Amino acid sequence: MIDRTKEQIIAFSKLKISEITKLKVDEIDENVEFFSLGLDSVKALFVLQELEEYLDIEINPLVFWNHPTISSVSEYLLKLK
């Protein structure tokens, strides 16, 4: 896993979510559930793939179900180190 901070993971996640939902990055709250941000399961998988590349790890797709916000996913991913 590439060493990243929680803030870096959050910023990257917001950028990727912004790209696919057309929300502005500064409109995305890391404590709001993914589906409330306009992510469906297909869009969530896109973000997951981007995070895998960004962090150079494999991530179980259920992570978005078990950790339904950007903040909670970021905390989970940091524990994988």
PDB file of N, CA and C in Angstrom:
ATOM      1  N   MET A   1       0.838  -1.179   0.000  1.00  0.00           N
ATOM      2  CA  MET A   1       0.000   0.000   0.000  1.00  0.00           C
ATOM      3  C   MET A   1       0.883   1.243   0.000  1.00  0.00           C
ATOM      4  N   ILE A   2       0.528   2.161  -0.852  1.00  0.00           N
ATOM      5  CA  ILE A   2       1.237   3.430  -0.887  1.00  0.00           C
ATOM      6  C   ILE A   2       0.802   4.238   0.329  1.00  0.00           C
ATOM      7  N   ASP A   3       1.770   4.824   1.014  1.00  0.00           N
ATOM      8  CA  ASP A   3       1.488   5.572   2.237  1.00  0.00           C
ATOM      9  C   ASP A   3       0.763   6.877   1.905  1.00  0.00           C
ATOM     10  N   ARG A   4      -0.432   7.024   2.413  1.00  0.00           N
ATOM     11  CA  ARG A   4      -1.258   8.228   2.228  1.00  0.00           C
ATOM     12  C   ARG A   4      -1.862   8.607   3.571  1.00  0.00           C
ATOM     13  N   THR A   5      -2.168   9.892   3.727  1.00  0.00           N
ATOM     14  CA  THR A   5      -2.858  10.338   4.936  1.00  0.00           C
ATOM     15  C   THR A   5      -4.366  10.239   4.723  1.00  0.00           C
ATOM     16  N   LYS A   6      -5.096  10.324   5.809  1.00  0.00           N
ATOM     17  CA  LYS A   6      -6.550  10.311   5.712  1.00  0.00           C
ATOM     18  C   LYS A   6      -7.021  11.482   4.851  1.00  0.00           C
ATOM     19  N   GLU A   7      -6.414  12.636   5.029  1.00  0.00           N
ATOM     20  CA  GLU A   7      -6.793  13.819   4.270  1.00  0.00           C
ATOM     21  C   GLU A   7      -6.556  13.620   2.774  1.00  0.00           C
ATOM     22  N   GLN A   8      -5.462  12.959   2.415  1.00  0.00           N
ATOM     23  CA  GLN A   8      -5.176  12.685   1.004  1.00  0.00           C
ATOM     24  C   GLN A   8      -6.204  11.723   0.411  1.00  0.00           C
ATOM     25  N   ILE A   9      -6.564  10.707   1.167  1.00  0.00           N
ATOM     26  CA  ILE A   9      -7.562   9.740   0.690  1.00  0.00           C
ATOM     27  C   ILE A   9      -8.920  10.425   0.533  1.00  0.00           C
ATOM     28  N   ILE A  10      -9.271  11.269   1.483  1.00  0.00           N
ATOM     29  CA  ILE A  10     -10.536  12.004   1.398  1.00  0.00           C
ATOM     30  C   ILE A  10     -10.541  12.916   0.177  1.00  0.00           C
ATOM     31  N   ALA A  11      -9.467  13.672  -0.021  1.00  0.00           N
ATOM     32  CA  ALA A  11      -9.391  14.595  -1.159  1.00  0.00           C
ATOM     33  C   ALA A  11      -9.475  13.840  -2.481  1.00  0.00           C
ATOM     34  N   PHE A  12      -8.779  12.716  -2.585  1.00  0.00           N
ATOM     35  CA  PHE A  12      -8.807  11.907  -3.809  1.00  0.00           C
ATOM     36  C   PHE A  12     -10.211  11.353  -4.052  1.00  0.00           C
ATOM     37  N   SER A  13     -10.833  10.859  -2.999  1.00  0.00           N
ATOM     38  CA  SER A  13     -12.185  10.303  -3.117  1.00  0.00           C
ATOM     39  C   SER A  13     -13.173  11.376  -3.563  1.00  0.00           C
ATOM     40  N   LYS A  14     -13.074  12.557  -2.982  1.00  0.00           N
ATOM     41  CA  LYS A  14     -13.958  13.654  -3.369  1.00  0.00           C
ATOM     42  C   LYS A  14     -13.765  14.008  -4.842  1.00  0.00           C
ATOM     43  N   LEU A  15     -12.524  14.045  -5.291  1.00  0.00           N
ATOM     44  CA  LEU A  15     -12.235  14.358  -6.686  1.00  0.00           C
ATOM     45  C   LEU A  15     -12.873  13.334  -7.616  1.00  0.00           C
ATOM     46  N   LYS A  16     -12.719  12.058  -7.313  1.00  0.00           N
ATOM     47  CA  LYS A  16     -13.275  11.000  -8.166  1.00  0.00           C
ATOM     48  C   LYS A  16     -14.802  11.007  -8.141  1.00  0.00           C
ATOM     49  N   ILE A  17     -15.380  11.239  -6.964  1.00  0.00           N
ATOM     50  CA  ILE A  17     -16.836  11.313  -6.874  1.00  0.00           C
ATOM     51  C   ILE A  17     -17.339  12.524  -7.653  1.00  0.00           C
ATOM     52  N   SER A  18     -16.623  13.613  -7.573  1.00  0.00           N
ATOM     53  CA  SER A  18     -16.984  14.818  -8.319  1.00  0.00           C
ATOM     54  C   SER A  18     -16.991  14.560  -9.820  1.00  0.00           C
ATOM     55  N   GLU A  19     -15.998  13.826 -10.290  1.00  0.00           N
ATOM     56  CA  GLU A  19     -15.892  13.528 -11.719  1.00  0.00           C
ATOM     57  C   GLU A  19     -17.097  12.739 -12.239  1.00  0.00           C
ATOM     58  N   ILE A  20     -17.633  11.846 -11.434  1.00  0.00           N
ATOM     59  CA  ILE A  20     -18.720  11.006 -11.946  1.00  0.00           C
ATOM     60  C   ILE A  20     -20.119  11.498 -11.573  1.00  0.00           C
ATOM     61  N   THR A  21     -20.211  12.357 -10.545  1.00  0.00           N
ATOM     62  CA  THR A  21     -21.537  12.853 -10.153  1.00  0.00           C
ATOM     63  C   THR A  21     -21.776  14.280 -10.633  1.00  0.00           C
ATOM     64  N   LYS A  22     -20.706  14.940 -11.064  1.00  0.00           N
ATOM     65  CA  LYS A  22     -20.749  16.346 -11.496  1.00  0.00           C
ATOM     66  C   LYS A  22     -21.001  17.314 -10.334  1.00  0.00           C
ATOM     67  N   LEU A  23     -20.909  16.827  -9.092  1.00  0.00           N
ATOM     68  CA  LEU A  23     -20.934  17.721  -7.938  1.00  0.00           C
ATOM     69  C   LEU A  23     -19.588  18.420  -7.855  1.00  0.00           C
ATOM     70  N   LYS A  24     -19.568  19.632  -7.340  1.00  0.00           N
ATOM     71  CA  LYS A  24     -18.300  20.324  -7.115  1.00  0.00           C
ATOM     72  C   LYS A  24     -17.623  19.687  -5.909  1.00  0.00           C
ATOM     73  N   VAL A  25     -16.310  19.612  -5.958  1.00  0.00           N
ATOM     74  CA  VAL A  25     -15.555  18.976  -4.871  1.00  0.00           C
ATOM     75  C   VAL A  25     -15.915  19.592  -3.530  1.00  0.00           C
ATOM     76  N   ASP A  26     -16.033  20.916  -3.482  1.00  0.00           N
ATOM     77  CA  ASP A  26     -16.327  21.565  -2.209  1.00  0.00           C
ATOM     78  C   ASP A  26     -17.777  21.376  -1.749  1.00  0.00           C
ATOM     79  N   GLU A  27     -18.613  20.786  -2.576  1.00  0.00           N
ATOM     80  CA  GLU A  27     -19.990  20.458  -2.194  1.00  0.00           C
ATOM     81  C   GLU A  27     -20.103  19.066  -1.595  1.00  0.00           C
ATOM     82  N   ILE A  28     -19.034  18.296  -1.670  1.00  0.00           N
ATOM     83  CA  ILE A  28     -19.065  16.906  -1.207  1.00  0.00           C
ATOM     84  C   ILE A  28     -18.620  16.844   0.252  1.00  0.00           C
ATOM     85  N   ASP A  29     -19.519  16.384   1.099  1.00  0.00           N
ATOM     86  CA  ASP A  29     -19.253  16.242   2.533  1.00  0.00           C
ATOM     87  C   ASP A  29     -18.804  14.799   2.785  1.00  0.00           C
ATOM     88  N   GLU A  30     -17.636  14.650   3.373  1.00  0.00           N
ATOM     89  CA  GLU A  30     -17.098  13.305   3.605  1.00  0.00           C
ATOM     90  C   GLU A  30     -17.880  12.506   4.632  1.00  0.00           C
ATOM     91  N   ASN A  31     -18.839  13.142   5.307  1.00  0.00           N
ATOM     92  CA  ASN A  31     -19.650  12.439   6.307  1.00  0.00           C
ATOM     93  C   ASN A  31     -21.044  12.096   5.811  1.00  0.00           C
ATOM     94  N   VAL A  32     -21.316  12.366   4.544  1.00  0.00           N
ATOM     95  CA  VAL A  32     -22.609  12.040   3.937  1.00  0.00           C
ATOM     96  C   VAL A  32     -22.479  10.684   3.242  1.00  0.00           C
ATOM     97  N   GLU A  33     -23.508   9.867   3.346  1.00  0.00           N
ATOM     98  CA  GLU A  33     -23.450   8.537   2.738  1.00  0.00           C
ATOM     99  C   GLU A  33     -23.300   8.619   1.215  1.00  0.00           C
ATOM    100  N   PHE A  34     -22.575   7.655   0.676  1.00  0.00           N
ATOM    101  CA  PHE A  34     -22.277   7.618  -0.760  1.00  0.00           C
ATOM    102  C   PHE A  34     -23.532   7.731  -1.615  1.00  0.00           C
ATOM    103  N   PHE A  35     -24.562   6.990  -1.269  1.00  0.00           N
ATOM    104  CA  PHE A  35     -25.762   6.977  -2.098  1.00  0.00           C
ATOM    105  C   PHE A  35     -26.480   8.329  -2.068  1.00  0.00           C
ATOM    106  N   SER A  36     -26.333   9.075  -0.978  1.00  0.00           N
ATOM    107  CA  SER A  36     -26.886  10.432  -0.912  1.00  0.00           C
ATOM    108  C   SER A  36     -26.101  11.400  -1.789  1.00  0.00           C
ATOM    109  N   LEU A  37     -24.873  11.026  -2.132  1.00  0.00           N
ATOM    110  CA  LEU A  37     -24.053  11.842  -3.029  1.00  0.00           C
ATOM    111  C   LEU A  37     -24.325  11.513  -4.499  1.00  0.00           C
ATOM    112  N   GLY A  38     -25.184  10.544  -4.740  1.00  0.00           N
ATOM    113  CA  GLY A  38     -25.517  10.188  -6.113  1.00  0.00           C
ATOM    114  C   GLY A  38     -24.775   8.979  -6.648  1.00  0.00           C
ATOM    115  N   LEU A  39     -24.109   8.244  -5.756  1.00  0.00           N
ATOM    116  CA  LEU A  39     -23.398   7.041  -6.201  1.00  0.00           C
ATOM    117  C   LEU A  39     -24.328   5.839  -6.137  1.00  0.00           C
ATOM    118  N   ASP A  40     -24.429   5.125  -7.242  1.00  0.00           N
ATOM    119  CA  ASP A  40     -25.097   3.831  -7.225  1.00  0.00           C
ATOM    120  C   ASP A  40     -23.995   2.775  -7.158  1.00  0.00           C
ATOM    121  N   SER A  41     -24.352   1.520  -7.229  1.00  0.00           N
ATOM    122  CA  SER A  41     -23.342   0.466  -7.073  1.00  0.00           C
ATOM    123  C   SER A  41     -22.302   0.493  -8.188  1.00  0.00           C
ATOM    124  N   VAL A  42     -22.690   0.822  -9.405  1.00  0.00           N
ATOM    125  CA  VAL A  42     -21.733   0.865 -10.522  1.00  0.00           C
ATOM    126  C   VAL A  42     -20.758   2.019 -10.341  1.00  0.00           C
ATOM    127  N   LYS A  43     -21.264   3.175  -9.971  1.00  0.00           N
ATOM    128  CA  LYS A  43     -20.394   4.336  -9.757  1.00  0.00           C
ATOM    129  C   LYS A  43     -19.476   4.123  -8.560  1.00  0.00           C
ATOM    130  N   ALA A  44     -19.995   3.456  -7.540  1.00  0.00           N
ATOM    131  CA  ALA A  44     -19.176   3.153  -6.374  1.00  0.00           C
ATOM    132  C   ALA A  44     -18.018   2.233  -6.749  1.00  0.00           C
ATOM    133  N   LEU A  45     -18.259   1.282  -7.644  1.00  0.00           N
ATOM    134  CA  LEU A  45     -17.187   0.395  -8.102  1.00  0.00           C
ATOM    135  C   LEU A  45     -16.114   1.162  -8.869  1.00  0.00           C
ATOM    136  N   PHE A  46     -16.522   2.177  -9.624  1.00  0.00           N
ATOM    137  CA  PHE A  46     -15.547   3.015 -10.315  1.00  0.00           C
ATOM    138  C   PHE A  46     -14.644   3.713  -9.299  1.00  0.00           C
ATOM    139  N   VAL A  47     -15.238   4.293  -8.263  1.00  0.00           N
ATOM    140  CA  VAL A  47     -14.452   4.972  -7.226  1.00  0.00           C
ATOM    141  C   VAL A  47     -13.542   3.966  -6.533  1.00  0.00           C
ATOM    142  N   LEU A  48     -14.058   2.783  -6.264  1.00  0.00           N
ATOM    143  CA  LEU A  48     -13.270   1.726  -5.639  1.00  0.00           C
ATOM    144  C   LEU A  48     -12.045   1.380  -6.478  1.00  0.00           C
ATOM    145  N   GLN A  49     -12.233   1.216  -7.775  1.00  0.00           N
ATOM    146  CA  GLN A  49     -11.110   0.902  -8.669  1.00  0.00           C
ATOM    147  C   GLN A  49     -10.072   2.026  -8.665  1.00  0.00           C
ATOM    148  N   GLU A  50     -10.535   3.252  -8.660  1.00  0.00           N
ATOM    149  CA  GLU A  50      -9.621   4.387  -8.620  1.00  0.00           C
ATOM    150  C   GLU A  50      -8.831   4.404  -7.309  1.00  0.00           C
ATOM    151  N   LEU A  51      -9.497   4.114  -6.202  1.00  0.00           N
ATOM    152  CA  LEU A  51      -8.813   4.043  -4.913  1.00  0.00           C
ATOM    153  C   LEU A  51      -7.793   2.911  -4.883  1.00  0.00           C
ATOM    154  N   GLU A  52      -8.142   1.778  -5.485  1.00  0.00           N
ATOM    155  CA  GLU A  52      -7.189   0.658  -5.539  1.00  0.00           C
ATOM    156  C   GLU A  52      -5.913   1.068  -6.259  1.00  0.00           C
ATOM    157  N   GLU A  53      -6.058   1.752  -7.360  1.00  0.00           N
ATOM    158  CA  GLU A  53      -4.877   2.210  -8.106  1.00  0.00           C
ATOM    159  C   GLU A  53      -4.109   3.266  -7.317  1.00  0.00           C
ATOM    160  N   TYR A  54      -4.812   4.195  -6.719  1.00  0.00           N
ATOM    161  CA  TYR A  54      -4.207   5.288  -5.964  1.00  0.00           C
ATOM    162  C   TYR A  54      -3.398   4.770  -4.772  1.00  0.00           C
ATOM    163  N   LEU A  55      -3.920   3.732  -4.127  1.00  0.00           N
ATOM    164  CA  LEU A  55      -3.275   3.189  -2.933  1.00  0.00           C
ATOM    165  C   LEU A  55      -2.454   1.937  -3.202  1.00  0.00           C
ATOM    166  N   ASP A  56      -2.570   1.395  -4.405  1.00  0.00           N
ATOM    167  CA  ASP A  56      -1.881   0.170  -4.798  1.00  0.00           C
ATOM    168  C   ASP A  56      -2.233  -1.006  -3.869  1.00  0.00           C
ATOM    169  N   ILE A  57      -3.544  -1.201  -3.679  1.00  0.00           N
ATOM    170  CA  ILE A  57      -4.047  -2.319  -2.883  1.00  0.00           C
ATOM    171  C   ILE A  57      -5.333  -2.839  -3.516  1.00  0.00           C
ATOM    172  N   GLU A  58      -5.739  -4.042  -3.104  1.00  0.00           N
ATOM    173  CA  GLU A  58      -7.050  -4.566  -3.478  1.00  0.00           C
ATOM    174  C   GLU A  58      -8.011  -4.250  -2.348  1.00  0.00           C
ATOM    175  N   ILE A  59      -9.204  -3.794  -2.731  1.00  0.00           N
ATOM    176  CA  ILE A  59     -10.213  -3.423  -1.739  1.00  0.00           C
ATOM    177  C   ILE A  59     -11.460  -4.256  -1.997  1.00  0.00           C
ATOM    178  N   ASN A  60     -11.972  -4.874  -0.957  1.00  0.00           N
ATOM    179  CA  ASN A  60     -13.205  -5.637  -1.053  1.00  0.00           C
ATOM    180  C   ASN A  60     -14.349  -4.696  -1.420  1.00  0.00           C
ATOM    181  N   PRO A  61     -15.126  -5.002  -2.443  1.00  0.00           N
ATOM    182  CA  PRO A  61     -16.230  -4.126  -2.844  1.00  0.00           C
ATOM    183  C   PRO A  61     -17.255  -3.861  -1.744  1.00  0.00           C
ATOM    184  N   LEU A  62     -17.324  -4.722  -0.762  1.00  0.00           N
ATOM    185  CA  LEU A  62     -18.264  -4.507   0.335  1.00  0.00           C
ATOM    186  C   LEU A  62     -17.855  -3.367   1.263  1.00  0.00           C
ATOM    187  N   VAL A  63     -16.653  -2.827   1.059  1.00  0.00           N
ATOM    188  CA  VAL A  63     -16.179  -1.760   1.930  1.00  0.00           C
ATOM    189  C   VAL A  63     -17.126  -0.560   1.903  1.00  0.00           C
ATOM    190  N   PHE A  64     -17.731  -0.249   0.757  1.00  0.00           N
ATOM    191  CA  PHE A  64     -18.649   0.885   0.680  1.00  0.00           C
ATOM    192  C   PHE A  64     -19.965   0.584   1.394  1.00  0.00           C
ATOM    193  N   TRP A  65     -20.312  -0.668   1.486  1.00  0.00           N
ATOM    194  CA  TRP A  65     -21.524  -1.054   2.215  1.00  0.00           C
ATOM    195  C   TRP A  65     -21.274  -0.973   3.724  1.00  0.00           C
ATOM    196  N   ASN A  66     -20.119  -1.481   4.145  1.00  0.00           N
ATOM    197  CA  ASN A  66     -19.773  -1.510   5.566  1.00  0.00           C
ATOM    198  C   ASN A  66     -19.304  -0.158   6.092  1.00  0.00           C
ATOM    199  N   HIS A  67     -18.796   0.681   5.210  1.00  0.00           N
ATOM    200  CA  HIS A  67     -18.280   2.010   5.570  1.00  0.00           C
ATOM    201  C   HIS A  67     -18.869   3.000   4.569  1.00  0.00           C
ATOM    202  N   PRO A  68     -20.090   3.474   4.814  1.00  0.00           N
ATOM    203  CA  PRO A  68     -20.856   4.177   3.787  1.00  0.00           C
ATOM    204  C   PRO A  68     -20.547   5.662   3.569  1.00  0.00           C
ATOM    205  N   THR A  69     -19.447   6.154   4.151  1.00  0.00           N
ATOM    206  CA  THR A  69     -19.064   7.546   3.903  1.00  0.00           C
ATOM    207  C   THR A  69     -17.592   7.613   3.509  1.00  0.00           C
ATOM    208  N   ILE A  70     -17.204   8.710   2.910  1.00  0.00           N
ATOM    209  CA  ILE A  70     -15.805   8.895   2.529  1.00  0.00           C
ATOM    210  C   ILE A  70     -14.926   8.829   3.773  1.00  0.00           C
ATOM    211  N   SER A  71     -15.353   9.482   4.828  1.00  0.00           N
ATOM    212  CA  SER A  71     -14.569   9.503   6.062  1.00  0.00           C
ATOM    213  C   SER A  71     -14.370   8.104   6.639  1.00  0.00           C
ATOM    214  N   SER A  72     -15.450   7.326   6.704  1.00  0.00           N
ATOM    215  CA  SER A  72     -15.322   5.983   7.297  1.00  0.00           C
ATOM    216  C   SER A  72     -14.516   5.041   6.411  1.00  0.00           C
ATOM    217  N   VAL A  73     -14.638   5.165   5.098  1.00  0.00           N
ATOM    218  CA  VAL A  73     -13.814   4.349   4.197  1.00  0.00           C
ATOM    219  C   VAL A  73     -12.344   4.721   4.362  1.00  0.00           C
ATOM    220  N   SER A  74     -12.064   6.004   4.468  1.00  0.00           N
ATOM    221  CA  SER A  74     -10.680   6.460   4.615  1.00  0.00           C
ATOM    222  C   SER A  74     -10.055   5.901   5.884  1.00  0.00           C
ATOM    223  N   GLU A  75     -10.805   5.952   6.979  1.00  0.00           N
ATOM    224  CA  GLU A  75     -10.308   5.390   8.241  1.00  0.00           C
ATOM    225  C   GLU A  75     -10.049   3.897   8.112  1.00  0.00           C
ATOM    226  N   TYR A  76     -10.957   3.181   7.476  1.00  0.00           N
ATOM    227  CA  TYR A  76     -10.801   1.740   7.258  1.00  0.00           C
ATOM    228  C   TYR A  76      -9.540   1.451   6.440  1.00  0.00           C
ATOM    229  N   LEU A  77      -9.358   2.195   5.346  1.00  0.00           N
ATOM    230  CA  LEU A  77      -8.213   1.952   4.464  1.00  0.00           C
ATOM    231  C   LEU A  77      -6.887   2.229   5.174  1.00  0.00           C
ATOM    232  N   LEU A  78      -6.853   3.201   6.048  1.00  0.00           N
ATOM    233  CA  LEU A  78      -5.632   3.487   6.787  1.00  0.00           C
ATOM    234  C   LEU A  78      -5.250   2.332   7.713  1.00  0.00           C
ATOM    235  N   LYS A  79      -6.234   1.595   8.191  1.00  0.00           N
ATOM    236  CA  LYS A  79      -5.976   0.457   9.079  1.00  0.00           C
ATOM    237  C   LYS A  79      -5.423  -0.749   8.322  1.00  0.00           C
ATOM    238  N   LEU A  80      -5.503  -0.731   6.998  1.00  0.00           N
ATOM    239  CA  LEU A  80      -5.001  -1.849   6.195  1.00  0.00           C
ATOM    240  C   LEU A  80      -3.477  -1.823   6.065  1.00  0.00           C
ATOM    241  N   LYS A  81      -2.870  -0.745   6.455  1.00  0.00           N
ATOM    242  CA  LYS A  81      -1.402  -0.619   6.329  1.00  0.00           C
ATOM    243  C   LYS A  81      -0.681  -1.700   7.082  1.00  0.00           C
TER     244      LYS A  81
END
